[in-house]
C-alpha atoms as a PDB file:
ATOM      1  CA  MET A   1     -37.857 -18.081  16.093  1.00  0.00           C
ATOM      2  CA  PRO A   2     -35.903 -14.970  15.299  1.00  0.00           C
ATOM      3  CA  THR A   3     -36.633 -13.208  12.365  1.00  0.00           C
ATOM      4  CA  PRO A   4     -33.257 -13.396   9.656  1.00  0.00           C
ATOM      5  CA  GLN A   5     -31.532 -10.223   9.607  1.00  0.00           C
ATOM      6  CA  THR A   6     -31.504  -8.794   5.896  1.00  0.00           C
ATOM      7  CA  PHE A   7     -29.445  -6.433   4.534  1.00  0.00           C
ATOM      8  CA  ASP A   8     -30.175  -3.381   1.820  1.00  0.00           C
ATOM      9  CA  LYS A   9     -27.551  -3.392  -0.911  1.00  0.00           C
ATOM     10  CA  GLN A  10     -27.748   0.396  -0.575  1.00  0.00           C
ATOM     11  CA  THR A  11     -26.714   0.061   2.938  1.00  0.00           C
ATOM     12  CA  PRO A  12     -22.892   1.577   3.675  1.00  0.00           C
ATOM     13  CA  PHE A  13     -20.940  -1.265   5.394  1.00  0.00           C
ATOM     14  CA  ALA A  14     -19.079   1.592   7.546  1.00  0.00           C
ATOM     15  CA  ALA A  15     -19.703   5.176   8.265  1.00  0.00           C
ATOM     16  CA  CYS A  16     -17.787   8.035   7.273  1.00  0.00           C
ATOM     17  CA  ILE A  17     -16.733  10.883   9.864  1.00  0.00           C
ATOM     18  CA  GLU A  18     -16.976  14.380   7.992  1.00  0.00           C
ATOM     19  CA  CYS A  19     -14.063  16.181   7.548  1.00  0.00           C
ATOM     20  CA  ASN A  20     -12.711  19.647   7.151  1.00  0.00           C
ATOM     21  CA  LYS A  21     -10.970  21.559   3.979  1.00  0.00           C
ATOM     22  CA  VAL A  22      -7.424  22.684   5.141  1.00  0.00           C
ATOM     23  CA  SER A  23      -4.777  24.876   2.971  1.00  0.00           C
ATOM     24  CA  THR A  24      -2.353  22.880   0.556  1.00  0.00           C
ATOM     25  CA  PHE A  25       0.528  23.610   2.659  1.00  0.00           C
ATOM     26  CA  ALA A  26      -1.128  23.221   6.146  1.00  0.00           C
ATOM     27  CA  ALA A  27       1.783  20.369   6.452  1.00  0.00           C
ATOM     28  CA  PHE A  28       4.164  22.996   7.328  1.00  0.00           C
ATOM     29  CA  HIS A  29       1.540  24.389  10.083  1.00  0.00           C
ATOM     30  CA  TRP A  30       1.568  20.760  11.583  1.00  0.00           C
ATOM     31  CA  LEU A  31       5.411  19.976  11.505  1.00  0.00           C
ATOM     32  CA  SER A  32       5.901  23.349  13.350  1.00  0.00           C
ATOM     33  CA  LEU A  33       3.403  22.673  15.890  1.00  0.00           C
ATOM     34  CA  ALA A  34       4.966  18.972  16.200  1.00  0.00           C
ATOM     35  CA  PHE A  35       8.369  20.706  16.954  1.00  0.00           C
ATOM     36  CA  LYS A  36       6.585  22.403  19.581  1.00  0.00           C
ATOM     37  CA  ASP A  37       5.345  19.096  21.308  1.00  0.00           C
ATOM     38  CA  MET A  38       8.937  17.391  21.318  1.00  0.00           C
ATOM     39  CA  MET A  39      10.233  20.392  22.997  1.00  0.00           C
ATOM     40  CA  LYS A  40       7.263  19.985  25.832  1.00  0.00           C
ATOM     41  CA  ALA A  41       8.145  16.635  26.053  1.00  0.00           C
ATOM     42  CA  PRO A  42      11.790  15.680  25.299  1.00  0.00           C
ATOM     43  CA  VAL A  43      12.197  12.790  27.017  1.00  0.00           C
ATOM     44  CA  LEU A  44       9.476  10.519  26.007  1.00  0.00           C
ATOM     45  CA  SER A  45      10.024  11.969  22.630  1.00  0.00           C
ATOM     46  CA  LEU A  46      13.273  10.531  23.028  1.00  0.00           C
ATOM     47  CA  ILE A  47      12.168   7.204  23.925  1.00  0.00           C
ATOM     48  CA  TYR A  48       9.646   6.538  21.106  1.00  0.00           C
ATOM     49  CA  GLY A  49      12.309   8.237  18.812  1.00  0.00           C
ATOM     50  CA  LEU A  50      14.931   5.243  20.044  1.00  0.00           C
ATOM     51  CA  VAL A  51      12.312   2.399  19.674  1.00  0.00           C
ATOM     52  CA  PHE A  52      11.703   3.376  15.889  1.00  0.00           C
ATOM     53  CA  THR A  53      15.473   3.895  15.255  1.00  0.00           C
ATOM     54  CA  LEU A  54      16.789   0.706  16.327  1.00  0.00           C
ATOM     55  CA  ILE A  55      14.307  -1.502  14.381  1.00  0.00           C
ATOM     56  CA  PRO A  56      15.798  -0.075  11.115  1.00  0.00           C
ATOM     57  CA  LEU A  57      19.137  -0.155  12.574  1.00  0.00           C
ATOM     58  CA  ALA A  58      18.651  -3.968  13.104  1.00  0.00           C
ATOM     59  CA  ILE A  59      17.120  -4.379   9.773  1.00  0.00           C
ATOM     60  CA  ILE A  60      20.177  -2.633   8.047  1.00  0.00           C
ATOM     61  CA  TYR A  61      22.689  -4.368  10.184  1.00  0.00           C
ATOM     62  CA  SER A  62      21.189  -7.518   9.183  1.00  0.00           C
ATOM     63  CA  ALA A  63      21.001  -7.191   5.469  1.00  0.00           C
ATOM     64  CA  VAL A  64      24.587  -5.331   4.825  1.00  0.00           C
ATOM     65  CA  PHE A  65      26.602  -6.291   7.878  1.00  0.00           C
ATOM     66  CA  THR A  66      25.787 -10.105   8.048  1.00  0.00           C
ATOM     67  CA  GLY A  67      25.326 -10.390   4.211  1.00  0.00           C
ATOM     68  CA  SER A  68      21.810 -12.344   4.809  1.00  0.00           C
ATOM     69  CA  HIS A  69      18.899 -10.943   3.071  1.00  0.00           C
ATOM     70  CA  LEU A  70      16.671 -13.925   4.578  1.00  0.00           C
ATOM     71  CA  VAL A  71      15.929 -11.824   7.666  1.00  0.00           C
ATOM     72  CA  VAL A  72      14.866  -8.701   5.703  1.00  0.00           C
ATOM     73  CA  LEU A  73      10.874  -9.988   5.272  1.00  0.00           C
ATOM     74  CA  PRO A  74      10.499 -11.224   8.741  1.00  0.00           C
ATOM     75  CA  ALA A  75      12.305  -8.123  10.204  1.00  0.00           C
ATOM     76  CA  THR A  76      10.086  -5.659   8.002  1.00  0.00           C
ATOM     77  CA  VAL A  77       6.929  -7.371   8.797  1.00  0.00           C
ATOM     78  CA  ALA A  78       7.655  -7.251  12.493  1.00  0.00           C
ATOM     79  CA  PHE A  79       8.183  -3.296  11.830  1.00  0.00           C
ATOM     80  CA  ALA A  80       4.539  -3.112  10.041  1.00  0.00           C
ATOM     81  CA  LEU A  81       3.176  -4.929  12.983  1.00  0.00           C
ATOM     82  CA  ILE A  82       4.889  -2.690  15.641  1.00  0.00           C
ATOM     83  CA  GLY A  83       5.434   0.639  13.999  1.00  0.00           C
ATOM     84  CA  PRO A  84       1.439   1.517  14.094  1.00  0.00           C
ATOM     85  CA  VAL A  85       1.208   0.383  17.600  1.00  0.00           C
ATOM     86  CA  PHE A  86       3.981   2.422  19.026  1.00  0.00           C
ATOM     87  CA  ALA A  87       3.180   5.643  17.049  1.00  0.00           C
ATOM     88  CA  VAL A  88      -0.326   5.708  18.964  1.00  0.00           C
ATOM     89  CA  GLY A  89       1.415   6.068  21.838  1.00  0.00           C
ATOM     90  CA  LEU A  90       3.280   9.379  20.632  1.00  0.00           C
ATOM     91  CA  TYR A  91      -0.223  10.104  19.513  1.00  0.00           C
ATOM     92  CA  ASP A  92      -1.442  10.027  23.086  1.00  0.00           C
ATOM     93  CA  VAL A  93       1.440  12.113  24.280  1.00  0.00           C
ATOM     94  CA  ALA A  94       0.245  15.082  21.793  1.00  0.00           C
ATOM     95  CA  TRP A  95      -2.865  14.241  23.034  1.00  0.00           C
ATOM     96  CA  GLU A  96      -2.321  14.754  26.621  1.00  0.00           C
ATOM     97  CA  LEU A  97      -0.592  18.133  25.619  1.00  0.00           C
ATOM     98  CA  GLU A  98      -3.941  19.241  23.865  1.00  0.00           C
ATOM     99  CA  LYS A  99      -5.857  18.596  27.014  1.00  0.00           C
ATOM    100  CA  GLY A 100      -3.190  20.584  29.262  1.00  0.00           C
ATOM    101  CA  TYR A 101      -2.066  17.527  30.798  1.00  0.00           C
ATOM    102  CA  LYS A 102       1.336  16.065  31.553  1.00  0.00           C
ATOM    103  CA  PRO A 103       2.111  13.247  29.765  1.00  0.00           C
ATOM    104  CA  THR A 104       3.521  10.138  31.090  1.00  0.00           C
ATOM    105  CA  LEU A 105       5.091   7.017  29.596  1.00  0.00           C
ATOM    106  CA  SER A 106       2.308   4.835  31.438  1.00  0.00           C
ATOM    107  CA  HIS A 107      -0.307   6.667  30.129  1.00  0.00           C
ATOM    108  CA  SER A 108       1.059   6.663  26.472  1.00  0.00           C
ATOM    109  CA  LEU A 109       1.560   2.628  26.684  1.00  0.00           C
ATOM    110  CA  LYS A 110      -1.974   2.113  28.018  1.00  0.00           C
ATOM    111  CA  SER A 111      -3.075   3.692  24.778  1.00  0.00           C
ATOM    112  CA  MET A 112      -2.083   1.146  22.916  1.00  0.00           C
ATOM    113  CA  PHE A 113      -4.805  -0.904  24.360  1.00  0.00           C
ATOM    114  CA  ARG A 114      -7.806   1.902  23.870  1.00  0.00           C
ATOM    115  CA  ASN A 115      -8.713   0.049  21.127  1.00  0.00           C
ATOM    116  CA  PRO A 116      -6.770  -3.128  20.774  1.00  0.00           C
ATOM    117  CA  VAL A 117      -8.881  -4.894  18.201  1.00  0.00           C
ATOM    118  CA  GLY A 118      -8.872  -1.829  15.739  1.00  0.00           C
ATOM    119  CA  GLU A 119      -5.386  -1.027  16.161  1.00  0.00           C
ATOM    120  CA  TRP A 120      -3.840  -4.360  16.106  1.00  0.00           C
ATOM    121  CA  GLY A 121      -6.300  -5.102  12.998  1.00  0.00           C
ATOM    122  CA  PHE A 122      -5.098  -2.260  11.170  1.00  0.00           C
ATOM    123  CA  ALA A 123      -1.560  -3.382  11.783  1.00  0.00           C
ATOM    124  CA  VAL A 124      -2.170  -6.840  10.282  1.00  0.00           C
ATOM    125  CA  LEU A 125      -3.646  -5.019   7.470  1.00  0.00           C
ATOM    126  CA  LEU A 126      -0.775  -3.027   6.785  1.00  0.00           C
ATOM    127  CA  MET A 127       1.261  -6.276   6.866  1.00  0.00           C
ATOM    128  CA  VAL A 128      -0.938  -8.260   4.594  1.00  0.00           C
ATOM    129  CA  VAL A 129      -0.496  -5.179   2.003  1.00  0.00           C
ATOM    130  CA  MET A 130       3.111  -5.282   2.357  1.00  0.00           C
ATOM    131  CA  ILE A 131       3.325  -8.773   1.708  1.00  0.00           C
ATOM    132  CA  VAL A 132       1.189  -8.582  -1.131  1.00  0.00           C
ATOM    133  CA  TRP A 133       3.404  -5.550  -2.315  1.00  0.00           C
ATOM    134  CA  MET A 134       6.631  -7.839  -1.983  1.00  0.00           C
ATOM    135  CA  ARG A 135       4.868 -10.818  -3.912  1.00  0.00           C
ATOM    136  CA  LEU A 136       4.113  -8.593  -6.686  1.00  0.00           C
ATOM    137  CA  ALA A 137       7.263  -7.042  -7.037  1.00  0.00           C
ATOM    138  CA  ALA A 138       8.579 -10.476  -7.403  1.00  0.00           C
ATOM    139  CA  LEU A 139       6.310 -11.037  -9.917  1.00  0.00           C
ATOM    140  CA  VAL A 140       7.364  -7.847 -11.948  1.00  0.00           C
ATOM    141  CA  HIS A 141      11.045  -8.606 -11.675  1.00  0.00           C
ATOM    142  CA  ALA A 142      10.267 -11.517 -14.041  1.00  0.00           C
ATOM    143  CA  LEU A 143       9.972  -8.863 -16.844  1.00  0.00           C
ATOM    144  CA  TYR A 144      13.720  -7.933 -16.240  1.00  0.00           C
ATOM    145  CA  PRO A 145      15.935  -8.602 -18.839  1.00  0.00           C
ATOM    146  CA  SER A 146      17.837 -11.492 -18.636  1.00  0.00           C
ATOM    147  CA  TYR A 147      20.944 -10.225 -20.035  1.00  0.00           C
ATOM    148  CA  ALA A 148      23.762  -7.573 -18.790  1.00  0.00           C
ATOM    149  CA  ASN A 149      23.635  -3.981 -20.073  1.00  0.00           C
ATOM    150  CA  PRO A 150      19.893  -3.804 -21.211  1.00  0.00           C
ATOM    151  CA  THR A 151      18.557  -0.866 -22.974  1.00  0.00           C
ATOM    152  CA  PHE A 152      16.009   1.466 -21.780  1.00  0.00           C
ATOM    153  CA  GLU A 153      13.538   0.713 -24.353  1.00  0.00           C
ATOM    154  CA  GLU A 154      14.086  -3.134 -23.096  1.00  0.00           C
ATOM    155  CA  LEU A 155      13.553  -2.127 -19.754  1.00  0.00           C
ATOM    156  CA  SER A 156      10.469  -0.162 -20.516  1.00  0.00           C
ATOM    157  CA  ALA A 157       8.027  -2.736 -19.838  1.00  0.00           C
ATOM    158  CA  PHE A 158       9.578  -3.613 -16.180  1.00  0.00           C
ATOM    159  CA  LEU A 159       9.693  -0.056 -15.488  1.00  0.00           C
ATOM    160  CA  THR A 160       6.241   0.605 -16.572  1.00  0.00           C
ATOM    161  CA  VAL A 161       4.634  -2.026 -14.826  1.00  0.00           C
ATOM    162  CA  GLY A 162       6.598  -1.625 -11.487  1.00  0.00           C
ATOM    163  CA  SER A 163       5.813   2.306 -11.529  1.00  0.00           C
ATOM    164  CA  ILE A 164       2.182   1.518 -12.078  1.00  0.00           C
ATOM    165  CA  ILE A 165       1.483  -0.998  -9.263  1.00  0.00           C
ATOM    166  CA  GLY A 166       4.115   0.551  -6.674  1.00  0.00           C
ATOM    167  CA  GLY A 167       2.257   3.731  -7.229  1.00  0.00           C
ATOM    168  CA  VAL A 168      -1.298   2.266  -6.945  1.00  0.00           C
ATOM    169  CA  LEU A 169      -0.300   0.629  -3.734  1.00  0.00           C
ATOM    170  CA  LEU A 170       1.640   3.660  -2.380  1.00  0.00           C
ATOM    171  CA  VAL A 171      -1.381   6.049  -2.412  1.00  0.00           C
ATOM    172  CA  THR A 172      -3.716   3.081  -1.150  1.00  0.00           C
ATOM    173  CA  VAL A 173      -1.225   2.725   1.881  1.00  0.00           C
ATOM    174  CA  PHE A 174      -1.097   6.438   2.312  1.00  0.00           C
ATOM    175  CA  ALA A 175      -4.915   7.080   2.004  1.00  0.00           C
ATOM    176  CA  ILE A 176      -5.682   4.284   4.544  1.00  0.00           C
ATOM    177  CA  SER A 177      -3.330   5.024   7.304  1.00  0.00           C
ATOM    178  CA  ALA A 178      -3.427   9.071   7.103  1.00  0.00           C
ATOM    179  CA  PHE A 179      -5.705   9.548   9.705  1.00  0.00           C
ATOM    180  CA  THR A 180      -6.943   5.955  10.770  1.00  0.00           C
ATOM    181  CA  PRO A 181      -4.909   5.077  13.756  1.00  0.00           C
ATOM    182  CA  GLN A 182      -5.626   8.730  15.336  1.00  0.00           C
ATOM    183  CA  ILE A 183      -9.572   7.918  14.791  1.00  0.00           C
ATOM    184  CA  MET A 184      -9.351   4.485  16.291  1.00  0.00           C
ATOM    185  CA  MET A 185      -7.401   5.777  19.297  1.00  0.00           C
ATOM    186  CA  GLU A 186      -9.631   8.666  20.369  1.00  0.00           C
ATOM    187  CA  ARG A 187     -13.036   7.600  19.126  1.00  0.00           C
ATOM    188  CA  ARG A 188     -12.757   3.840  19.574  1.00  0.00           C
ATOM    189  CA  VAL A 189     -14.459   3.176  16.353  1.00  0.00           C
ATOM    190  CA  ASP A 190     -14.220  -0.189  14.236  1.00  0.00           C
ATOM    191  CA  ILE A 191     -11.390  -0.350  11.478  1.00  0.00           C
ATOM    192  CA  MET A 192     -13.605  -0.063   8.706  1.00  0.00           C
ATOM    193  CA  THR A 193     -15.233   3.219   9.639  1.00  0.00           C
ATOM    194  CA  ALA A 194     -11.622   4.503  10.487  1.00  0.00           C
ATOM    195  CA  VAL A 195     -10.460   3.357   6.984  1.00  0.00           C
ATOM    196  CA  VAL A 196     -13.421   4.833   5.141  1.00  0.00           C
ATOM    197  CA  SER A 197     -13.105   8.274   7.119  1.00  0.00           C
ATOM    198  CA  SER A 198      -9.335   8.446   6.535  1.00  0.00           C
ATOM    199  CA  MET A 199      -9.795   7.586   2.351  1.00  0.00           C
ATOM    200  CA  HIS A 200     -12.754  10.221   2.305  1.00  0.00           C
ATOM    201  CA  ALA A 201     -10.371  13.269   4.000  1.00  0.00           C
ATOM    202  CA  VAL A 202      -7.492  12.388   2.045  1.00  0.00           C
ATOM    203  CA  ARG A 203      -9.623  12.659  -1.514  1.00  0.00           C
ATOM    204  CA  VAL A 204     -11.342  15.883  -0.139  1.00  0.00           C
ATOM    205  CA  ASN A 205      -7.934  17.469   1.011  1.00  0.00           C
ATOM    206  CA  PHE A 206      -6.037  15.906  -1.959  1.00  0.00           C
ATOM    207  CA  ALA A 207      -3.388  18.779  -2.534  1.00  0.00           C
ATOM    208  CA  ALA A 208      -2.826  19.334   1.087  1.00  0.00           C
ATOM    209  CA  MET A 209      -2.131  15.303   1.220  1.00  0.00           C
ATOM    210  CA  LEU A 210      -0.134  15.376  -1.438  1.00  0.00           C
ATOM    211  CA  VAL A 211       2.360  17.996   0.293  1.00  0.00           C
ATOM    212  CA  TRP A 212       2.370  16.424   3.494  1.00  0.00           C
ATOM    213  CA  SER A 213       3.400  12.928   1.719  1.00  0.00           C
ATOM    214  CA  ILE A 214       6.175  14.565  -0.148  1.00  0.00           C
ATOM    215  CA  CYS A 215       7.169  15.989   3.742  1.00  0.00           C
ATOM    216  CA  ILE A 216       6.837  12.108   4.847  1.00  0.00           C
ATOM    217  CA  PHE A 217       8.865  10.805   2.043  1.00  0.00           C
ATOM    218  CA  VAL A 218      11.921  13.431   2.284  1.00  0.00           C
ATOM    219  CA  LEU A 219      12.419  13.086   6.279  1.00  0.00           C
ATOM    220  CA  VAL A 220      11.808   9.445   6.278  1.00  0.00           C
ATOM    221  CA  ALA A 221      14.840   9.468   3.117  1.00  0.00           C
ATOM    222  CA  LEU A 222      17.060  11.554   5.285  1.00  0.00           C
ATOM    223  CA  GLY A 223      16.351   9.037   8.134  1.00  0.00           C
ATOM    224  CA  PHE A 224      17.823   6.536   5.790  1.00  0.00           C
ATOM    225  CA  VAL A 225      20.196   8.810   4.976  1.00  0.00           C
ATOM    226  CA  THR A 226      21.524   9.340   8.065  1.00  0.00           C
ATOM    227  CA  GLY A 227      21.820   5.474   8.698  1.00  0.00           C
ATOM    228  CA  ALA A 228      18.207   5.507  10.571  1.00  0.00           C
ATOM    229  CA  THR A 229      19.770   7.607  13.711  1.00  0.00           C
ATOM    230  CA  GLY A 230      17.968  10.481  12.331  1.00  0.00           C
ATOM    231  CA  PHE A 231      14.751   8.671  13.042  1.00  0.00           C
ATOM    232  CA  ILE A 232      15.275   9.507  16.604  1.00  0.00           C
ATOM    233  CA  VAL A 233      13.804  12.719  15.923  1.00  0.00           C
ATOM    234  CA  ILE A 234      12.077  12.347  12.831  1.00  0.00           C
ATOM    235  CA  MET A 235       9.579   9.653  14.026  1.00  0.00           C
ATOM    236  CA  PRO A 236       8.328  11.843  16.896  1.00  0.00           C
ATOM    237  CA  LEU A 237       8.035  14.856  14.890  1.00  0.00           C
ATOM    238  CA  LEU A 238       6.027  12.618  11.866  1.00  0.00           C
ATOM    239  CA  SER A 239       3.784  11.472  14.852  1.00  0.00           C
ATOM    240  CA  TYR A 240       2.906  14.866  16.252  1.00  0.00           C
ATOM    241  CA  ALA A 241       2.518  16.274  13.239  1.00  0.00           C
ATOM    242  CA  SER A 242      -0.074  13.541  12.561  1.00  0.00           C
ATOM    243  CA  TRP A 243      -2.147  14.391  15.141  1.00  0.00           C
ATOM    244  CA  HIS A 244      -2.348  17.720  14.369  1.00  0.00           C
ATOM    245  CA  GLY A 245      -3.185  17.261  10.884  1.00  0.00           C
ATOM    246  CA  TYR A 246      -5.722  14.581  12.432  1.00  0.00           C
ATOM    247  CA  ILE A 247      -7.132  17.549  14.772  1.00  0.00           C
ATOM    248  CA  ALA A 248      -7.282  19.623  11.631  1.00  0.00           C
ATOM    249  CA  VAL A 249      -9.047  17.616   9.017  1.00  0.00           C
ATOM    250  CA  ILE A 250     -11.170  15.452  11.047  1.00  0.00           C
ATOM    251  CA  LYS A 251     -14.264  17.287  12.216  1.00  0.00           C
ATOM    252  CA  THR A 252     -15.743  17.060  15.797  1.00  0.00           C
ATOM    253  CA  LYS A 253     -19.006  17.987  17.206  1.00  0.00           C
ATOM    254  CA  LYS A 254     -17.023  20.264  19.789  1.00  0.00           C
ATOM    255  CA  ALA A 255     -14.309  22.790  17.870  1.00  0.00           C
ATOM    256  CA  ARG A 256     -10.919  22.360  18.920  1.00  0.00           C
ATOM    257  CA  GLY A 257      -7.757  24.411  17.662  1.00  0.00           C
ATOM    258  CA  TYR A 258      -4.596  23.212  19.799  1.00  0.00           C
ATOM    259  CA  GLU A 259      -1.755  25.650  18.944  1.00  0.00           C
END
């Protein structure tokens, strides 16, 4: 009869891949390298850029032009599921360029299934976090004064609680997603190892990750300001830069320096 397996409370539930310490403004170097990648693979960048543009455009059109906001939640959930998976395709393009190969659409699409359990599991994780975020936002809205023209003092509870919850969730989502998809695609590790490694790398490189998060926020905001058309360029640029950030931060047995 087999002996029941026992677990030591001190045993970690996931491995943690070691990381490098990068400079505070490393993100600007990653963006410059990403621009070079776009120039080397313009057609593939355009194809994926169009995909990332059509989805926000569909959400904006559904909410603004049809006057119905009921479609926003399911559309956003769909984007949260599909977005990280398509980003993996762009990571593969950058990876092929790093190895000196010519990237192809078929190869990048196949990369979405290199670690299907981990990649789709991570997409579901992001979707769950997003749904929780929306439900918490609805609960916080109950603190909004029920009368017209409230003063700042009367809004303070609503603004304070909303800012705290939003800030905590925003930092959490960024920490778990900064390097998780790249790690799972290249190394085919389990989702918890990838998430723990990503969070550890963000903590070690807090200043650099803060600058990187600001870059992401500014570029995404610019994409929406342009009516989502700017995402044609912005999303491939951010995806390639994320790959270069992964190369710079997450340690490998063999040194790599793709410039």
